[in-house]
PDB file of N, CA and C in Angstrom:
ATOM      1  N   UNK A   1      50.056  38.059  51.890  1.00  0.00           N
ATOM      2  CA  UNK A   1      49.207  36.897  51.157  1.00  0.00           C
ATOM      3  C   UNK A   1      48.505  37.440  49.892  1.00  0.00           C
ATOM      4  N   UNK A   2      48.619  36.559  48.889  1.00  0.00           N
ATOM      5  CA  UNK A   2      48.012  36.831  47.677  1.00  0.00           C
ATOM      6  C   UNK A   2      46.651  36.019  47.634  1.00  0.00           C
ATOM      7  N   UNK A   3      45.787  36.846  46.637  1.00  0.00           N
ATOM      8  CA  UNK A   3      44.485  36.104  46.645  1.00  0.00           C
ATOM      9  C   UNK A   3      44.412  35.858  45.140  1.00  0.00           C
ATOM     10  N   UNK A   4      43.915  34.625  44.647  1.00  0.00           N
ATOM     11  CA  UNK A   4      43.864  34.519  43.267  1.00  0.00           C
ATOM     12  C   UNK A   4      42.471  34.157  42.982  1.00  0.00           C
ATOM     13  N   UNK A   5      41.919  34.841  42.211  1.00  0.00           N
ATOM     14  CA  UNK A   5      40.269  34.816  41.713  1.00  0.00           C
ATOM     15  C   UNK A   5      40.465  34.028  40.422  1.00  0.00           C
ATOM     16  N   UNK A   6      39.517  33.114  40.207  1.00  0.00           N
ATOM     17  CA  UNK A   6      39.299  32.424  38.969  1.00  0.00           C
ATOM     18  C   UNK A   6      37.748  32.341  38.514  1.00  0.00           C
ATOM     19  N   UNK A   7      37.519  32.513  37.597  1.00  0.00           N
ATOM     20  CA  UNK A   7      36.120  32.317  36.926  1.00  0.00           C
ATOM     21  C   UNK A   7      35.773  30.894  37.290  1.00  0.00           C
ATOM     22  N   UNK A   8      34.491  30.570  37.260  1.00  0.00           N
ATOM     23  CA  UNK A   8      33.965  29.234  37.664  1.00  0.00           C
ATOM     24  C   UNK A   8      34.438  28.013  36.463  1.00  0.00           C
ATOM     25  N   UNK A   9      34.469  28.417  35.243  1.00  0.00           N
ATOM     26  CA  UNK A   9      34.912  27.559  34.236  1.00  0.00           C
ATOM     27  C   UNK A   9      36.389  27.087  34.288  1.00  0.00           C
ATOM     28  N   UNK A  10      37.249  27.991  34.538  1.00  0.00           N
ATOM     29  CA  UNK A  10      38.612  28.093  34.858  1.00  0.00           C
ATOM     30  C   UNK A  10      38.956  27.140  35.992  1.00  0.00           C
ATOM     31  N   UNK A  11      38.208  27.422  37.271  1.00  0.00           N
ATOM     32  CA  UNK A  11      38.480  26.729  38.516  1.00  0.00           C
ATOM     33  C   UNK A  11      38.099  25.209  38.136  1.00  0.00           C
ATOM     34  N   UNK A  12      37.057  24.990  37.551  1.00  0.00           N
ATOM     35  CA  UNK A  12      36.639  23.460  37.304  1.00  0.00           C
ATOM     36  C   UNK A  12      37.481  22.873  36.313  1.00  0.00           C
ATOM     37  N   UNK A  13      38.139  23.485  35.309  1.00  0.00           N
ATOM     38  CA  UNK A  13      39.156  23.003  34.320  1.00  0.00           C
ATOM     39  C   UNK A  13      40.354  22.529  35.261  1.00  0.00           C
ATOM     40  N   UNK A  14      40.643  23.436  36.113  1.00  0.00           N
ATOM     41  CA  UNK A  14      41.865  23.139  36.973  1.00  0.00           C
ATOM     42  C   UNK A  14      41.777  22.112  37.575  1.00  0.00           C
ATOM     43  N   UNK A  15      40.687  21.910  38.400  1.00  0.00           N
ATOM     44  CA  UNK A  15      40.290  20.729  39.222  1.00  0.00           C
ATOM     45  C   UNK A  15      40.290  19.446  38.236  1.00  0.00           C
ATOM     46  N   UNK A  16      39.827  19.381  37.306  1.00  0.00           N
ATOM     47  CA  UNK A  16      39.738  18.473  36.332  1.00  0.00           C
ATOM     48  C   UNK A  16      41.130  18.050  35.885  1.00  0.00           C
ATOM     49  N   UNK A  17      41.926  18.747  35.745  1.00  0.00           N
ATOM     50  CA  UNK A  17      43.469  18.513  35.369  1.00  0.00           C
ATOM     51  C   UNK A  17      44.185  17.811  36.607  1.00  0.00           C
ATOM     52  N   UNK A  18      43.784  18.350  37.713  1.00  0.00           N
ATOM     53  CA  UNK A  18      44.549  17.750  39.027  1.00  0.00           C
ATOM     54  C   UNK A  18      43.978  16.338  39.117  1.00  0.00           C
ATOM     55  N   UNK A  19      42.812  16.103  39.030  1.00  0.00           N
ATOM     56  CA  UNK A  19      42.203  14.793  39.031  1.00  0.00           C
ATOM     57  C   UNK A  19      42.792  13.944  37.909  1.00  0.00           C
ATOM     58  N   UNK A  20      42.793  14.335  36.610  1.00  0.00           N
ATOM     59  CA  UNK A  20      43.557  13.470  35.694  1.00  0.00           C
ATOM     60  C   UNK A  20      45.141  13.006  35.890  1.00  0.00           C
ATOM     61  N   UNK A  21      45.777  13.760  36.625  1.00  0.00           N
ATOM     62  CA  UNK A  21      47.122  13.693  36.922  1.00  0.00           C
ATOM     63  C   UNK A  21      47.086  12.705  38.382  1.00  0.00           C
ATOM     64  N   UNK A  22      46.180  12.685  38.966  1.00  0.00           N
ATOM     65  CA  UNK A  22      46.168  11.818  40.168  1.00  0.00           C
ATOM     66  C   UNK A  22      45.708  10.437  39.770  1.00  0.00           C
ATOM     67  N   UNK A  23      44.909  10.217  38.567  1.00  0.00           N
ATOM     68  CA  UNK A  23      44.273   9.028  38.354  1.00  0.00           C
ATOM     69  C   UNK A  23      45.320   7.859  37.983  1.00  0.00           C
ATOM     70  N   UNK A  24      46.200   8.089  37.290  1.00  0.00           N
ATOM     71  CA  UNK A  24      47.219   7.014  37.245  1.00  0.00           C
ATOM     72  C   UNK A  24      47.974   6.450  38.485  1.00  0.00           C
ATOM     73  N   UNK A  25      48.000   7.289  39.419  1.00  0.00           N
ATOM     74  CA  UNK A  25      48.463   6.813  40.789  1.00  0.00           C
ATOM     75  C   UNK A  25      47.614   5.966  41.487  1.00  0.00           C
ATOM     76  N   UNK A  26      46.217   6.479  41.417  1.00  0.00           N
ATOM     77  CA  UNK A  26      45.376   5.780  42.238  1.00  0.00           C
ATOM     78  C   UNK A  26      44.911   4.479  41.450  1.00  0.00           C
ATOM     79  N   UNK A  27      44.989   4.301  40.133  1.00  0.00           N
ATOM     80  CA  UNK A  27      44.579   3.322  39.366  1.00  0.00           C
ATOM     81  C   UNK A  27      45.567   2.170  39.175  1.00  0.00           C
ATOM     82  N   UNK A  28      46.832   2.258  39.794  1.00  0.00           N
ATOM     83  CA  UNK A  28      47.878   1.563  39.926  1.00  0.00           C
ATOM     84  C   UNK A  28      47.401   0.146  40.522  1.00  0.00           C
ATOM     85  N   UNK A  29      47.359  -1.014  39.655  1.00  0.00           N
ATOM     86  CA  UNK A  29      46.781  -2.403  40.220  1.00  0.00           C
ATOM     87  C   UNK A  29      47.822  -2.965  41.394  1.00  0.00           C
ATOM     88  N   UNK A  30      47.180  -3.316  42.136  1.00  0.00           N
ATOM     89  CA  UNK A  30      47.910  -4.147  43.183  1.00  0.00           C
ATOM     90  C   UNK A  30      48.113  -5.549  42.728  1.00  0.00           C
ATOM     91  N   UNK A  31      49.571  -6.181  42.945  1.00  0.00           N
ATOM     92  CA  UNK A  31      49.805  -7.305  42.557  1.00  0.00           C
ATOM     93  C   UNK A  31      49.042  -8.409  43.192  1.00  0.00           C
ATOM     94  N   UNK A  32      48.660  -9.737  42.706  1.00  0.00           N
ATOM     95  CA  UNK A  32      47.746 -10.672  43.303  1.00  0.00           C
ATOM     96  C   UNK A  32      48.553 -11.325  44.428  1.00  0.00           C
ATOM     97  N   UNK A  33      50.032 -11.619  43.954  1.00  0.00           N
ATOM     98  CA  UNK A  33      50.932 -12.284  44.811  1.00  0.00           C
ATOM     99  C   UNK A  33      52.012 -11.399  45.499  1.00  0.00           C
ATOM    100  N   UNK A  34      51.929 -11.546  46.695  1.00  0.00           N
ATOM    101  CA  UNK A  34      52.954 -11.026  47.524  1.00  0.00           C
ATOM    102  C   UNK A  34      53.935 -11.733  48.303  1.00  0.00           C
ATOM    103  N   UNK A  35      55.028 -11.066  48.658  1.00  0.00           N
ATOM    104  CA  UNK A  35      56.000 -11.582  49.538  1.00  0.00           C
ATOM    105  C   UNK A  35      55.627 -12.058  50.929  1.00  0.00           C
ATOM    106  N   UNK A  36      56.491 -12.926  51.663  1.00  0.00           N
ATOM    107  CA  UNK A  36      56.107 -13.101  52.970  1.00  0.00           C
ATOM    108  C   UNK A  36      56.133 -12.071  53.815  1.00  0.00           C
ATOM    109  N   UNK A  37      57.222 -11.087  53.640  1.00  0.00           N
ATOM    110  CA  UNK A  37      57.132  -9.926  54.564  1.00  0.00           C
ATOM    111  C   UNK A  37      55.786  -9.054  54.492  1.00  0.00           C
ATOM    112  N   UNK A  38      55.474  -9.002  53.092  1.00  0.00           N
ATOM    113  CA  UNK A  38      54.143  -8.120  52.865  1.00  0.00           C
ATOM    114  C   UNK A  38      52.837  -8.981  53.401  1.00  0.00           C
ATOM    115  N   UNK A  39      53.055 -10.083  53.311  1.00  0.00           N
ATOM    116  CA  UNK A  39      51.959 -10.888  53.905  1.00  0.00           C
ATOM    117  C   UNK A  39      51.897 -10.808  55.445  1.00  0.00           C
ATOM    118  N   UNK A  40      52.956 -10.849  56.103  1.00  0.00           N
ATOM    119  CA  UNK A  40      53.182 -10.653  57.430  1.00  0.00           C
ATOM    120  C   UNK A  40      52.619  -9.173  57.720  1.00  0.00           C
ATOM    121  N   UNK A  41      52.978  -8.262  57.082  1.00  0.00           N
ATOM    122  CA  UNK A  41      52.547  -7.002  57.419  1.00  0.00           C
ATOM    123  C   UNK A  41      51.056  -6.859  57.358  1.00  0.00           C
ATOM    124  N   UNK A  42      50.357  -7.375  56.298  1.00  0.00           N
ATOM    125  CA  UNK A  42      49.082  -7.203  56.069  1.00  0.00           C
ATOM    126  C   UNK A  42      48.353  -7.928  57.181  1.00  0.00           C
ATOM    127  N   UNK A  43      48.753  -9.076  57.551  1.00  0.00           N
ATOM    128  CA  UNK A  43      48.159  -9.957  58.715  1.00  0.00           C
ATOM    129  C   UNK A  43      48.412  -9.507  60.201  1.00  0.00           C
ATOM    130  N   UNK A  44      49.427  -8.343  60.155  1.00  0.00           N
ATOM    131  CA  UNK A  44      49.880  -7.740  61.282  1.00  0.00           C
ATOM    132  C   UNK A  44      50.386  -8.851  62.340  1.00  0.00           C
ATOM    133  N   UNK A  45      51.250  -9.729  61.788  1.00  0.00           N
ATOM    134  CA  UNK A  45      51.924 -10.730  62.366  1.00  0.00           C
ATOM    135  C   UNK A  45      53.671 -10.580  62.383  1.00  0.00           C
ATOM    136  N   UNK A  46      54.245 -11.002  63.262  1.00  0.00           N
ATOM    137  CA  UNK A  46      55.689 -10.528  63.400  1.00  0.00           C
ATOM    138  C   UNK A  46      56.351 -11.906  63.403  1.00  0.00           C
ATOM    139  N   UNK A  47      55.731 -13.084  63.490  1.00  0.00           N
ATOM    140  CA  UNK A  47      56.479 -14.401  63.434  1.00  0.00           C
ATOM    141  C   UNK A  47      56.565 -15.127  62.079  1.00  0.00           C
ATOM    142  N   UNK A  48      57.565 -15.753  61.552  1.00  0.00           N
ATOM    143  CA  UNK A  48      57.502 -16.314  60.395  1.00  0.00           C
ATOM    144  C   UNK A  48      56.890 -17.659  60.705  1.00  0.00           C
ATOM    145  N   UNK A  49      56.836 -18.084  61.890  1.00  0.00           N
ATOM    146  CA  UNK A  49      56.564 -19.432  62.199  1.00  0.00           C
ATOM    147  C   UNK A  49      54.775 -19.439  62.131  1.00  0.00           C
ATOM    148  N   UNK A  50      54.474 -18.402  62.467  1.00  0.00           N
ATOM    149  CA  UNK A  50      52.808 -18.132  62.526  1.00  0.00           C
ATOM    150  C   UNK A  50      52.316 -17.973  61.237  1.00  0.00           C
ATOM    151  N   UNK A  51      53.137 -17.487  60.270  1.00  0.00           N
ATOM    152  CA  UNK A  51      52.832 -17.354  58.650  1.00  0.00           C
ATOM    153  C   UNK A  51      52.900 -18.751  58.241  1.00  0.00           C
ATOM    154  N   UNK A  52      53.886 -19.593  58.799  1.00  0.00           N
ATOM    155  CA  UNK A  52      53.903 -20.884  58.018  1.00  0.00           C
ATOM    156  C   UNK A  52      53.008 -22.095  58.656  1.00  0.00           C
ATOM    157  N   UNK A  53      52.617 -21.531  59.966  1.00  0.00           N
ATOM    158  CA  UNK A  53      51.213 -22.285  60.351  1.00  0.00           C
ATOM    159  C   UNK A  53      50.045 -22.114  59.513  1.00  0.00           C
ATOM    160  N   UNK A  54      49.780 -20.761  59.185  1.00  0.00           N
ATOM    161  CA  UNK A  54      48.508 -20.540  58.388  1.00  0.00           C
ATOM    162  C   UNK A  54      48.661 -21.351  57.033  1.00  0.00           C
ATOM    163  N   UNK A  55      49.866 -21.113  56.576  1.00  0.00           N
ATOM    164  CA  UNK A  55      50.066 -21.922  55.234  1.00  0.00           C
ATOM    165  C   UNK A  55      49.814 -23.167  55.302  1.00  0.00           C
ATOM    166  N   UNK A  56      50.222 -24.049  56.395  1.00  0.00           N
ATOM    167  CA  UNK A  56      50.243 -25.378  56.717  1.00  0.00           C
ATOM    168  C   UNK A  56      48.867 -25.785  56.965  1.00  0.00           C
ATOM    169  N   UNK A  57      48.024 -24.964  57.695  1.00  0.00           N
ATOM    170  CA  UNK A  57      46.681 -25.195  57.881  1.00  0.00           C
ATOM    171  C   UNK A  57      45.736 -25.175  56.554  1.00  0.00           C
ATOM    172  N   UNK A  58      46.213 -24.469  55.679  1.00  0.00           N
ATOM    173  CA  UNK A  58      45.289 -24.223  54.531  1.00  0.00           C
ATOM    174  C   UNK A  58      44.741 -22.849  54.650  1.00  0.00           C
ATOM    175  N   UNK A  59      44.869 -22.109  55.710  1.00  0.00           N
ATOM    176  CA  UNK A  59      44.034 -20.919  55.994  1.00  0.00           C
ATOM    177  C   UNK A  59      44.274 -19.810  54.977  1.00  0.00           C
ATOM    178  N   UNK A  60      45.447 -19.647  54.317  1.00  0.00           N
ATOM    179  CA  UNK A  60      45.840 -18.758  53.237  1.00  0.00           C
ATOM    180  C   UNK A  60      46.521 -19.559  51.988  1.00  0.00           C
ATOM    181  N   UNK A  61      46.351 -19.046  50.900  1.00  0.00           N
ATOM    182  CA  UNK A  61      46.682 -19.661  49.847  1.00  0.00           C
ATOM    183  C   UNK A  61      48.212 -19.074  49.472  1.00  0.00           C
ATOM    184  N   UNK A  62      48.850 -19.997  48.957  1.00  0.00           N
ATOM    185  CA  UNK A  62      50.377 -19.634  48.564  1.00  0.00           C
ATOM    186  C   UNK A  62      50.812 -20.306  47.370  1.00  0.00           C
ATOM    187  N   UNK A  63      51.872 -19.810  46.585  1.00  0.00           N
ATOM    188  CA  UNK A  63      52.711 -20.334  45.517  1.00  0.00           C
ATOM    189  C   UNK A  63      53.906 -20.325  45.743  1.00  0.00           C
ATOM    190  N   UNK A  64      54.629 -21.680  45.254  1.00  0.00           N
ATOM    191  CA  UNK A  64      55.994 -21.725  45.484  1.00  0.00           C
ATOM    192  C   UNK A  64      56.604 -22.036  44.088  1.00  0.00           C
ATOM    193  N   UNK A  65      56.886 -20.959  43.504  1.00  0.00           N
ATOM    194  CA  UNK A  65      57.507 -20.993  41.992  1.00  0.00           C
ATOM    195  C   UNK A  65      58.781 -21.592  42.023  1.00  0.00           C
ATOM    196  N   UNK A  66      59.635 -21.414  43.035  1.00  0.00           N
ATOM    197  CA  UNK A  66      61.037 -21.835  43.326  1.00  0.00           C
ATOM    198  C   UNK A  66      61.079 -22.427  44.644  1.00  0.00           C
ATOM    199  N   UNK A  67      62.215 -23.438  44.988  1.00  0.00           N
ATOM    200  CA  UNK A  67      62.131 -23.795  46.180  1.00  0.00           C
ATOM    201  C   UNK A  67      62.295 -22.906  47.470  1.00  0.00           C
ATOM    202  N   UNK A  68      62.914 -21.764  47.332  1.00  0.00           N
ATOM    203  CA  UNK A  68      63.114 -20.760  48.360  1.00  0.00           C
ATOM    204  C   UNK A  68      62.051 -19.560  48.111  1.00  0.00           C
ATOM    205  N   UNK A  69      61.395 -19.550  47.188  1.00  0.00           N
ATOM    206  CA  UNK A  69      60.363 -18.372  46.984  1.00  0.00           C
ATOM    207  C   UNK A  69      59.039 -18.881  47.351  1.00  0.00           C
ATOM    208  N   UNK A  70      58.388 -18.423  48.256  1.00  0.00           N
ATOM    209  CA  UNK A  70      56.800 -18.587  48.635  1.00  0.00           C
ATOM    210  C   UNK A  70      56.199 -17.233  48.643  1.00  0.00           C
ATOM    211  N   UNK A  71      55.176 -17.157  47.481  1.00  0.00           N
ATOM    212  CA  UNK A  71      54.323 -16.237  47.511  1.00  0.00           C
ATOM    213  C   UNK A  71      53.069 -16.170  47.905  1.00  0.00           C
ATOM    214  N   UNK A  72      52.234 -15.287  48.608  1.00  0.00           N
ATOM    215  CA  UNK A  72      50.983 -15.336  49.238  1.00  0.00           C
ATOM    216  C   UNK A  72      49.839 -14.625  48.417  1.00  0.00           C
ATOM    217  N   UNK A  73      48.885 -15.279  48.274  1.00  0.00           N
ATOM    218  CA  UNK A  73      47.707 -14.647  47.678  1.00  0.00           C
ATOM    219  C   UNK A  73      46.963 -13.700  48.246  1.00  0.00           C
ATOM    220  N   UNK A  74      46.876 -12.401  47.770  1.00  0.00           N
ATOM    221  CA  UNK A  74      46.446 -11.343  48.463  1.00  0.00           C
ATOM    222  C   UNK A  74      44.669 -11.368  48.882  1.00  0.00           C
ATOM    223  N   UNK A  75      44.171 -12.166  48.055  1.00  0.00           N
ATOM    224  CA  UNK A  75      42.531 -12.205  48.007  1.00  0.00           C
ATOM    225  C   UNK A  75      42.385 -13.168  49.169  1.00  0.00           C
ATOM    226  N   UNK A  76      43.340 -14.328  49.418  1.00  0.00           N
ATOM    227  CA  UNK A  76      43.064 -15.322  50.302  1.00  0.00           C
ATOM    228  C   UNK A  76      43.433 -14.704  51.788  1.00  0.00           C
ATOM    229  N   UNK A  77      44.503 -13.867  51.813  1.00  0.00           N
ATOM    230  CA  UNK A  77      44.563 -13.061  53.020  1.00  0.00           C
ATOM    231  C   UNK A  77      43.553 -12.205  53.321  1.00  0.00           C
ATOM    232  N   UNK A  78      42.846 -11.439  52.415  1.00  0.00           N
ATOM    233  CA  UNK A  78      41.680 -10.662  52.796  1.00  0.00           C
ATOM    234  C   UNK A  78      40.540 -11.547  53.127  1.00  0.00           C
ATOM    235  N   UNK A  79      40.364 -12.537  52.489  1.00  0.00           N
ATOM    236  CA  UNK A  79      39.367 -13.549  53.046  1.00  0.00           C
ATOM    237  C   UNK A  79      39.356 -14.119  54.514  1.00  0.00           C
ATOM    238  N   UNK A  80      40.695 -14.310  54.634  1.00  0.00           N
ATOM    239  CA  UNK A  80      40.958 -14.902  56.066  1.00  0.00           C
ATOM    240  C   UNK A  80      40.834 -13.874  57.207  1.00  0.00           C
ATOM    241  N   UNK A  81      41.112 -12.708  56.614  1.00  0.00           N
ATOM    242  CA  UNK A  81      40.816 -11.499  57.816  1.00  0.00           C
ATOM    243  C   UNK A  81      39.312 -11.377  57.816  1.00  0.00           C
ATOM    244  N   UNK A  82      38.542 -11.458  56.734  1.00  0.00           N
ATOM    245  CA  UNK A  82      37.082 -11.326  56.831  1.00  0.00           C
ATOM    246  C   UNK A  82      36.496 -12.383  57.551  1.00  0.00           C
ATOM    247  N   UNK A  83      36.973 -13.585  57.474  1.00  0.00           N
ATOM    248  CA  UNK A  83      36.378 -14.931  58.306  1.00  0.00           C
ATOM    249  C   UNK A  83      36.516 -14.552  59.698  1.00  0.00           C
ATOM    250  N   UNK A  84      37.443 -14.126  60.076  1.00  0.00           N
ATOM    251  CA  UNK A  84      37.824 -13.676  61.436  1.00  0.00           C
ATOM    252  C   UNK A  84      37.322 -12.466  62.125  1.00  0.00           C
ATOM    253  N   UNK A  85      36.887 -11.760  61.260  1.00  0.00           N
ATOM    254  CA  UNK A  85      36.278 -10.373  61.596  1.00  0.00           C
ATOM    255  C   UNK A  85      35.126 -10.642  62.489  1.00  0.00           C
ATOM    256  N   UNK A  86      34.960  -9.735  63.568  1.00  0.00           N
ATOM    257  CA  UNK A  86      33.993  -9.789  64.358  1.00  0.00           C
ATOM    258  C   UNK A  86      32.946  -8.637  64.186  1.00  0.00           C
ATOM    259  N   UNK A  87      31.555  -8.902  64.212  1.00  0.00           N
ATOM    260  CA  UNK A  87      30.564  -7.983  64.071  1.00  0.00           C
ATOM    261  C   UNK A  87      30.458  -6.863  65.391  1.00  0.00           C
ATOM    262  N   UNK A  88      30.076  -5.646  64.984  1.00  0.00           N
ATOM    263  CA  UNK A  88      29.623  -5.050  66.358  1.00  0.00           C
ATOM    264  C   UNK A  88      28.405  -5.304  66.772  1.00  0.00           C
ATOM    265  N   UNK A  89      28.286  -4.776  68.062  1.00  0.00           N
ATOM    266  CA  UNK A  89      26.976  -4.975  68.653  1.00  0.00           C
ATOM    267  C   UNK A  89      25.890  -4.218  68.026  1.00  0.00           C
TER     268      UNK A  89
END
């Protein structure tokens, strides 16, 4: 086993470089509109019928740019989940 010794300044510069390289991956912005399969995954449901029911009831927002393409708003899915969250005792 090898032991590597660094001075304080060199160690902190190394840490800063690692953080700089990780920043773009963390800062990648999430899409506002997601597919039906992604929406089902976020909602933890497995039925397309349940997803359609939520859409028909107006519980979650959606957009239909083309006849067979339906996209779901991430913010409305998060709001839906927060509305149905139960507080702990």
